[in-house]
Amino acid sequence: MSVFCSFGLKKFNERDINFFSQFQKNRTPASKSPYKFVNTQEGGSLLLTKNNRLCCYILAGRQIVTREKLEVLSIASDQNIEDGLPIEEVIKKLIDKGKKEDH
């Protein structure tokens, strides 16, 4: 996941660590910090505010490595799809999940 804000670029993309979930649970990044995380209606995104003013949007995302050794990036989704599946199956799962969320 990448975060673009007035304080620069910060990329959170460690495998096996769900930074987005941690951000959702911890409303304030650090004690006495002017920054706060705010939920959105979409569920796959958060707002980062500084002193109650919008700083940036944070989108959940997953990098999935396919059997073909191609990488598929799923953005604004917290769906966990295992690595090593054929690319067609990965894309179908992502599309199916998107259709379910639209209803």
C-alpha atoms as a PDB file:
ATOM      1  CA  MET A   1       0.000   0.000   0.000  1.00  0.00           C
ATOM      2  CA  SER A   2       1.310   3.461  -0.781  1.00  0.00           C
ATOM      3  CA  VAL A   3       0.421   6.586   1.119  1.00  0.00           C
ATOM      4  CA  PHE A   4       0.882   9.974  -0.529  1.00  0.00           C
ATOM      5  CA  CYS A   5       0.622  12.934   1.839  1.00  0.00           C
ATOM      6  CA  SER A   6       1.981  16.415   2.314  1.00  0.00           C
ATOM      7  CA  PHE A   7       4.775  14.871   4.373  1.00  0.00           C
ATOM      8  CA  GLY A   8       5.971  12.710   1.470  1.00  0.00           C
ATOM      9  CA  LEU A   9       5.643   9.191   0.171  1.00  0.00           C
ATOM     10  CA  LYS A  10       5.433   6.239   2.505  1.00  0.00           C
ATOM     11  CA  LYS A  11       4.994   2.751   1.161  1.00  0.00           C
ATOM     12  CA  PHE A  12       3.703  -0.074   3.344  1.00  0.00           C
ATOM     13  CA  ASN A  13       3.969  -3.335   1.486  1.00  0.00           C
ATOM     14  CA  GLU A  14       5.428  -5.993   3.751  1.00  0.00           C
ATOM     15  CA  ARG A  15       4.109  -9.447   2.919  1.00  0.00           C
ATOM     16  CA  ASP A  16       2.159 -11.138   5.699  1.00  0.00           C
ATOM     17  CA  ILE A  17       1.569  -7.850   7.546  1.00  0.00           C
ATOM     18  CA  ASN A  18      -1.777  -6.115   7.148  1.00  0.00           C
ATOM     19  CA  PHE A  19      -0.884  -2.472   7.734  1.00  0.00           C
ATOM     20  CA  PHE A  20      -4.334  -1.331   6.618  1.00  0.00           C
ATOM     21  CA  SER A  21      -6.023  -3.389   9.316  1.00  0.00           C
ATOM     22  CA  GLN A  22      -3.608  -1.971  11.879  1.00  0.00           C
ATOM     23  CA  PHE A  23      -4.455   1.553  10.721  1.00  0.00           C
ATOM     24  CA  GLN A  24      -8.185   0.797  11.038  1.00  0.00           C
ATOM     25  CA  LYS A  25      -7.728  -0.382  14.626  1.00  0.00           C
ATOM     26  CA  ASN A  26      -5.406   2.408  15.744  1.00  0.00           C
ATOM     27  CA  ARG A  27      -7.233   5.642  15.157  1.00  0.00           C
ATOM     28  CA  THR A  28      -4.175   7.734  16.079  1.00  0.00           C
ATOM     29  CA  PRO A  29      -0.753   6.766  14.679  1.00  0.00           C
ATOM     30  CA  ALA A  30       1.051   7.781  17.897  1.00  0.00           C
ATOM     31  CA  SER A  31       0.133   9.314  21.198  1.00  0.00           C
ATOM     32  CA  LYS A  32      -0.312  13.100  21.031  1.00  0.00           C
ATOM     33  CA  SER A  33      -0.140  12.940  17.241  1.00  0.00           C
ATOM     34  CA  PRO A  34      -2.154  15.490  15.251  1.00  0.00           C
ATOM     35  CA  TYR A  35      -2.846  12.690  12.721  1.00  0.00           C
ATOM     36  CA  LYS A  36      -5.952  10.513  12.914  1.00  0.00           C
ATOM     37  CA  PHE A  37      -7.372   7.717  10.764  1.00  0.00           C
ATOM     38  CA  VAL A  38     -11.051   8.051   9.840  1.00  0.00           C
ATOM     39  CA  ASN A  39     -13.184   5.278   8.312  1.00  0.00           C
ATOM     40  CA  THR A  40     -14.977   5.821   5.023  1.00  0.00           C
ATOM     41  CA  GLN A  41     -18.204   4.221   3.796  1.00  0.00           C
ATOM     42  CA  GLU A  42     -16.318   2.020   1.339  1.00  0.00           C
ATOM     43  CA  GLY A  43     -14.464  -0.067   3.907  1.00  0.00           C
ATOM     44  CA  GLY A  44     -11.395  -0.440   1.682  1.00  0.00           C
ATOM     45  CA  SER A  45     -10.207   3.076   2.374  1.00  0.00           C
ATOM     46  CA  LEU A  46      -9.376   5.404   5.229  1.00  0.00           C
ATOM     47  CA  LEU A  47      -8.852   9.121   5.510  1.00  0.00           C
ATOM     48  CA  LEU A  48      -5.762  10.425   7.202  1.00  0.00           C
ATOM     49  CA  THR A  49      -6.408  13.774   8.833  1.00  0.00           C
ATOM     50  CA  LYS A  50      -4.101  16.238  10.529  1.00  0.00           C
ATOM     51  CA  ASN A  51      -5.760  18.500  13.068  1.00  0.00           C
ATOM     52  CA  ASN A  52      -9.136  17.414  11.615  1.00  0.00           C
ATOM     53  CA  ARG A  53      -8.197  18.480   8.079  1.00  0.00           C
ATOM     54  CA  LEU A  54      -7.935  15.928   5.268  1.00  0.00           C
ATOM     55  CA  CYS A  55      -4.347  15.025   4.509  1.00  0.00           C
ATOM     56  CA  CYS A  56      -4.727  11.999   2.228  1.00  0.00           C
ATOM     57  CA  TYR A  57      -6.632   8.838   1.404  1.00  0.00           C
ATOM     58  CA  ILE A  58      -5.234   5.434   2.313  1.00  0.00           C
ATOM     59  CA  LEU A  59      -6.373   2.482   0.208  1.00  0.00           C
ATOM     60  CA  ALA A  60      -6.148  -1.156   1.210  1.00  0.00           C
ATOM     61  CA  GLY A  61      -4.357  -3.324  -1.282  1.00  0.00           C
ATOM     62  CA  ARG A  62      -2.836  -6.698  -1.883  1.00  0.00           C
ATOM     63  CA  GLN A  63      -0.055  -7.868  -4.160  1.00  0.00           C
ATOM     64  CA  ILE A  64      -0.730 -11.382  -5.448  1.00  0.00           C
ATOM     65  CA  VAL A  65       2.000 -13.376  -7.178  1.00  0.00           C
ATOM     66  CA  THR A  66       0.495 -15.762  -9.715  1.00  0.00           C
ATOM     67  CA  ARG A  67       1.665 -19.198 -10.812  1.00  0.00           C
ATOM     68  CA  GLU A  68       3.082 -17.489 -13.903  1.00  0.00           C
ATOM     69  CA  LYS A  69       5.213 -15.252 -11.628  1.00  0.00           C
ATOM     70  CA  LEU A  70       3.173 -12.177 -12.579  1.00  0.00           C
ATOM     71  CA  GLU A  71       2.057  -9.761  -9.890  1.00  0.00           C
ATOM     72  CA  VAL A  72      -1.559  -8.618  -9.651  1.00  0.00           C
ATOM     73  CA  LEU A  73      -2.319  -5.595  -7.479  1.00  0.00           C
ATOM     74  CA  SER A  74      -5.744  -5.524  -5.866  1.00  0.00           C
ATOM     75  CA  ILE A  75      -6.543  -1.970  -4.751  1.00  0.00           C
ATOM     76  CA  ALA A  76      -9.239  -0.833  -2.274  1.00  0.00           C
ATOM     77  CA  SER A  77      -9.875  -4.437  -1.275  1.00  0.00           C
ATOM     78  CA  ASP A  78      -8.897  -6.417   1.775  1.00  0.00           C
ATOM     79  CA  GLN A  79      -9.541  -9.742   0.060  1.00  0.00           C
ATOM     80  CA  ASN A  80      -6.764 -12.196   0.825  1.00  0.00           C
ATOM     81  CA  ILE A  81      -5.996 -14.384  -2.201  1.00  0.00           C
ATOM     82  CA  GLU A  82      -3.183 -16.876  -1.899  1.00  0.00           C
ATOM     83  CA  ASP A  83      -0.105 -16.646  -4.078  1.00  0.00           C
ATOM     84  CA  GLY A  84       0.605 -19.305  -6.684  1.00  0.00           C
ATOM     85  CA  LEU A  85      -2.816 -19.509  -8.335  1.00  0.00           C
ATOM     86  CA  PRO A  86      -3.172 -19.154 -12.119  1.00  0.00           C
ATOM     87  CA  ILE A  87      -3.632 -15.522 -13.170  1.00  0.00           C
ATOM     88  CA  GLU A  88      -7.082 -16.246 -14.648  1.00  0.00           C
ATOM     89  CA  GLU A  89      -8.283 -17.592 -11.299  1.00  0.00           C
ATOM     90  CA  VAL A  90      -6.880 -14.612  -9.373  1.00  0.00           C
ATOM     91  CA  ILE A  91      -8.579 -12.115 -11.682  1.00  0.00           C
ATOM     92  CA  LYS A  92     -11.873 -14.032 -11.573  1.00  0.00           C
ATOM     93  CA  LYS A  93     -11.825 -14.057  -7.751  1.00  0.00           C
ATOM     94  CA  LEU A  94     -11.190 -10.304  -7.648  1.00  0.00           C
ATOM     95  CA  ILE A  95     -13.976  -9.587 -10.152  1.00  0.00           C
ATOM     96  CA  ASP A  96     -16.427 -11.868  -8.321  1.00  0.00           C
ATOM     97  CA  LYS A  97     -15.636 -10.152  -5.009  1.00  0.00           C
ATOM     98  CA  GLY A  98     -16.204  -6.739  -6.625  1.00  0.00           C
ATOM     99  CA  LYS A  99     -19.584  -7.819  -7.995  1.00  0.00           C
ATOM    100  CA  LYS A 100     -20.692  -9.024  -4.542  1.00  0.00           C
ATOM    101  CA  GLU A 101     -19.683  -5.692  -2.964  1.00  0.00           C
ATOM    102  CA  ASP A 102     -21.696  -3.743  -5.574  1.00  0.00           C
ATOM    103  CA  HIS A 103     -24.966  -5.401  -4.466  1.00  0.00           C
END
